[in-house]
Amino acid sequence: MEDRIKRVYIPMTETGFYILFCLQEEMHGYNITQNVKKMTNGAVVISPGTMYGTLSKMEKDGLIAFVREEEKRKLYHITDLGRDILSIELQRIERLYRNSKGEWMA
């Protein structure tokens, strides 16, 4: 994995995290937006501009891949590189959570 990719994506924005997390299943942008809204009880709402800008950047950087078009909507899926980045971020979040609970002192 390129250091540049790590520098750009770690730590991840909440938007980037949720997009990659959702793309563990094949989805289009609108579907991701709806899933994120549901997962976060409306606390995180991804605007169309942010969604499509992020999808475009992630595709260019190789974190996600275009799969096919369905009813004029582009479907994407996470790549191996995207899975690696998501895994690193999940480990970082888990460490933050453990530390917030004082588990580092045990």
C-alpha atoms as a PDB file:
ATOM      1  CA  MET A   1       0.000   0.000   0.000  1.00  0.00           C
ATOM      2  CA  GLU A   2       1.304   3.435  -0.934  1.00  0.00           C
ATOM      3  CA  ASP A   3       2.153   5.773   1.930  1.00  0.00           C
ATOM      4  CA  ARG A   4       0.308   8.513   0.044  1.00  0.00           C
ATOM      5  CA  ILE A   5      -2.946   6.535   0.236  1.00  0.00           C
ATOM      6  CA  LYS A   6      -2.498   6.039   3.993  1.00  0.00           C
ATOM      7  CA  ARG A   7      -1.776   9.741   4.493  1.00  0.00           C
ATOM      8  CA  VAL A   8      -4.860  10.742   2.515  1.00  0.00           C
ATOM      9  CA  TYR A   9      -7.307   8.299   4.106  1.00  0.00           C
ATOM     10  CA  ILE A  10      -6.089   7.627   7.669  1.00  0.00           C
ATOM     11  CA  PRO A  11      -7.672   8.920   9.821  1.00  0.00           C
ATOM     12  CA  MET A  12     -10.815   8.762   7.725  1.00  0.00           C
ATOM     13  CA  THR A  13     -13.588  11.276   7.596  1.00  0.00           C
ATOM     14  CA  GLU A  14     -16.902   9.985   8.845  1.00  0.00           C
ATOM     15  CA  THR A  15     -18.245  10.229   5.303  1.00  0.00           C
ATOM     16  CA  GLY A  16     -15.349   8.248   3.845  1.00  0.00           C
ATOM     17  CA  PHE A  17     -15.663   5.616   6.546  1.00  0.00           C
ATOM     18  CA  TYR A  18     -19.377   5.076   5.986  1.00  0.00           C
ATOM     19  CA  ILE A  19     -19.012   4.968   2.206  1.00  0.00           C
ATOM     20  CA  LEU A  20     -16.309   2.284   2.381  1.00  0.00           C
ATOM     21  CA  PHE A  21     -18.204   0.422   5.093  1.00  0.00           C
ATOM     22  CA  CYS A  22     -21.375   0.347   2.979  1.00  0.00           C
ATOM     23  CA  LEU A  23     -19.505  -0.714  -0.146  1.00  0.00           C
ATOM     24  CA  GLN A  24     -18.662  -4.070   1.395  1.00  0.00           C
ATOM     25  CA  GLU A  25     -21.857  -4.776  -0.543  1.00  0.00           C
ATOM     26  CA  GLU A  26     -22.423  -3.549  -4.087  1.00  0.00           C
ATOM     27  CA  MET A  27     -24.322  -0.231  -3.963  1.00  0.00           C
ATOM     28  CA  HIS A  28     -24.966   3.060  -5.693  1.00  0.00           C
ATOM     29  CA  GLY A  29     -24.599   6.508  -4.139  1.00  0.00           C
ATOM     30  CA  TYR A  30     -28.242   7.077  -3.254  1.00  0.00           C
ATOM     31  CA  ASN A  31     -28.436   3.662  -1.565  1.00  0.00           C
ATOM     32  CA  ILE A  32     -25.309   4.474   0.479  1.00  0.00           C
ATOM     33  CA  THR A  33     -26.872   7.785   1.557  1.00  0.00           C
ATOM     34  CA  GLN A  34     -30.025   6.034   2.729  1.00  0.00           C
ATOM     35  CA  ASN A  35     -28.102   3.288   4.569  1.00  0.00           C
ATOM     36  CA  VAL A  36     -25.895   5.814   6.368  1.00  0.00           C
ATOM     37  CA  LYS A  37     -28.887   7.896   7.413  1.00  0.00           C
ATOM     38  CA  LYS A  38     -30.558   4.734   8.778  1.00  0.00           C
ATOM     39  CA  MET A  39     -27.390   3.415  10.508  1.00  0.00           C
ATOM     40  CA  THR A  40     -26.793   6.724  12.274  1.00  0.00           C
ATOM     41  CA  ASN A  41     -30.446   7.529  13.051  1.00  0.00           C
ATOM     42  CA  GLY A  42     -30.140  10.615  10.862  1.00  0.00           C
ATOM     43  CA  ALA A  43     -27.028  11.958  12.614  1.00  0.00           C
ATOM     44  CA  VAL A  44     -24.937  11.639   9.437  1.00  0.00           C
ATOM     45  CA  VAL A  45     -26.436  12.852   6.180  1.00  0.00           C
ATOM     46  CA  ILE A  46     -24.204  12.762   3.106  1.00  0.00           C
ATOM     47  CA  SER A  47     -25.070  15.401   0.505  1.00  0.00           C
ATOM     48  CA  PRO A  48     -25.079  14.368  -3.167  1.00  0.00           C
ATOM     49  CA  GLY A  49     -22.066  16.599  -3.918  1.00  0.00           C
ATOM     50  CA  THR A  50     -20.026  15.057  -1.107  1.00  0.00           C
ATOM     51  CA  MET A  51     -21.159  11.538  -2.030  1.00  0.00           C
ATOM     52  CA  TYR A  52     -20.256  11.722  -5.693  1.00  0.00           C
ATOM     53  CA  GLY A  53     -17.049  13.659  -5.103  1.00  0.00           C
ATOM     54  CA  THR A  54     -15.916  11.052  -2.569  1.00  0.00           C
ATOM     55  CA  LEU A  55     -16.922   8.125  -4.786  1.00  0.00           C
ATOM     56  CA  SER A  56     -14.976   9.648  -7.677  1.00  0.00           C
ATOM     57  CA  LYS A  57     -11.855  10.201  -5.550  1.00  0.00           C
ATOM     58  CA  MET A  58     -12.016   6.728  -4.008  1.00  0.00           C
ATOM     59  CA  GLU A  59     -12.434   5.148  -7.426  1.00  0.00           C
ATOM     60  CA  LYS A  60      -9.467   7.122  -8.804  1.00  0.00           C
ATOM     61  CA  ASP A  61      -7.352   6.052  -5.790  1.00  0.00           C
ATOM     62  CA  GLY A  62      -8.360   2.392  -6.198  1.00  0.00           C
ATOM     63  CA  LEU A  63     -10.348   1.965  -2.949  1.00  0.00           C
ATOM     64  CA  ILE A  64     -13.554   1.200  -4.795  1.00  0.00           C
ATOM     65  CA  ALA A  65     -14.393  -0.038  -8.277  1.00  0.00           C
ATOM     66  CA  PHE A  66     -17.274   0.612 -10.636  1.00  0.00           C
ATOM     67  CA  VAL A  67     -19.182  -2.645 -11.102  1.00  0.00           C
ATOM     68  CA  ARG A  68     -22.020  -1.839 -13.490  1.00  0.00           C
ATOM     69  CA  GLU A  69     -24.771   0.607 -14.258  1.00  0.00           C
ATOM     70  CA  GLU A  70     -28.350  -0.180 -13.283  1.00  0.00           C
ATOM     71  CA  GLU A  71     -31.227   2.156 -14.182  1.00  0.00           C
ATOM     72  CA  LYS A  72     -28.739   5.008 -14.814  1.00  0.00           C
ATOM     73  CA  ARG A  73     -27.126   4.498 -11.392  1.00  0.00           C
ATOM     74  CA  LYS A  74     -23.507   3.443 -11.048  1.00  0.00           C
ATOM     75  CA  LEU A  75     -22.908   0.574  -8.647  1.00  0.00           C
ATOM     76  CA  TYR A  76     -19.598   0.324  -6.805  1.00  0.00           C
ATOM     77  CA  HIS A  77     -17.864  -2.229  -4.591  1.00  0.00           C
ATOM     78  CA  ILE A  78     -14.894  -2.009  -2.242  1.00  0.00           C
ATOM     79  CA  THR A  79     -11.539  -3.275  -3.579  1.00  0.00           C
ATOM     80  CA  ASP A  80      -8.822  -5.150  -1.675  1.00  0.00           C
ATOM     81  CA  LEU A  81      -7.030  -1.834  -1.105  1.00  0.00           C
ATOM     82  CA  GLY A  82     -10.255  -0.339   0.211  1.00  0.00           C
ATOM     83  CA  ARG A  83     -10.669  -3.313   2.574  1.00  0.00           C
ATOM     84  CA  ASP A  84      -7.128  -2.773   3.859  1.00  0.00           C
ATOM     85  CA  ILE A  85      -7.818   0.921   4.517  1.00  0.00           C
ATOM     86  CA  LEU A  86     -11.154   0.109   6.188  1.00  0.00           C
ATOM     87  CA  SER A  87      -9.466  -2.495   8.392  1.00  0.00           C
ATOM     88  CA  ILE A  88      -6.770  -0.037   9.498  1.00  0.00           C
ATOM     89  CA  GLU A  89      -9.435   2.545  10.301  1.00  0.00           C
ATOM     90  CA  LEU A  90     -11.578   0.054  12.230  1.00  0.00           C
ATOM     91  CA  GLN A  91      -8.551  -0.926  14.320  1.00  0.00           C
ATOM     92  CA  ARG A  92      -7.857   2.764  14.987  1.00  0.00           C
ATOM     93  CA  ILE A  93     -11.460   3.380  16.060  1.00  0.00           C
ATOM     94  CA  GLU A  94     -11.444   0.286  18.291  1.00  0.00           C
ATOM     95  CA  ARG A  95      -8.213   1.481  19.930  1.00  0.00           C
ATOM     96  CA  LEU A  96      -9.747   4.909  20.550  1.00  0.00           C
ATOM     97  CA  TYR A  97     -12.798   3.273  22.087  1.00  0.00           C
ATOM     98  CA  ARG A  98     -10.717   0.994  24.355  1.00  0.00           C
ATOM     99  CA  ASN A  99      -8.592   3.942  25.444  1.00  0.00           C
ATOM    100  CA  SER A 100     -11.687   6.014  26.207  1.00  0.00           C
ATOM    101  CA  LYS A 101     -12.819   3.236  28.559  1.00  0.00           C
ATOM    102  CA  GLY A 102      -9.453   3.193  30.341  1.00  0.00           C
ATOM    103  CA  GLU A 103      -8.597  -0.295  29.082  1.00  0.00           C
ATOM    104  CA  TRP A 104      -5.043   0.841  28.307  1.00  0.00           C
ATOM    105  CA  MET A 105      -4.449   1.096  32.068  1.00  0.00           C
ATOM    106  CA  ALA A 106      -5.397  -2.520  32.778  1.00  0.00           C
END
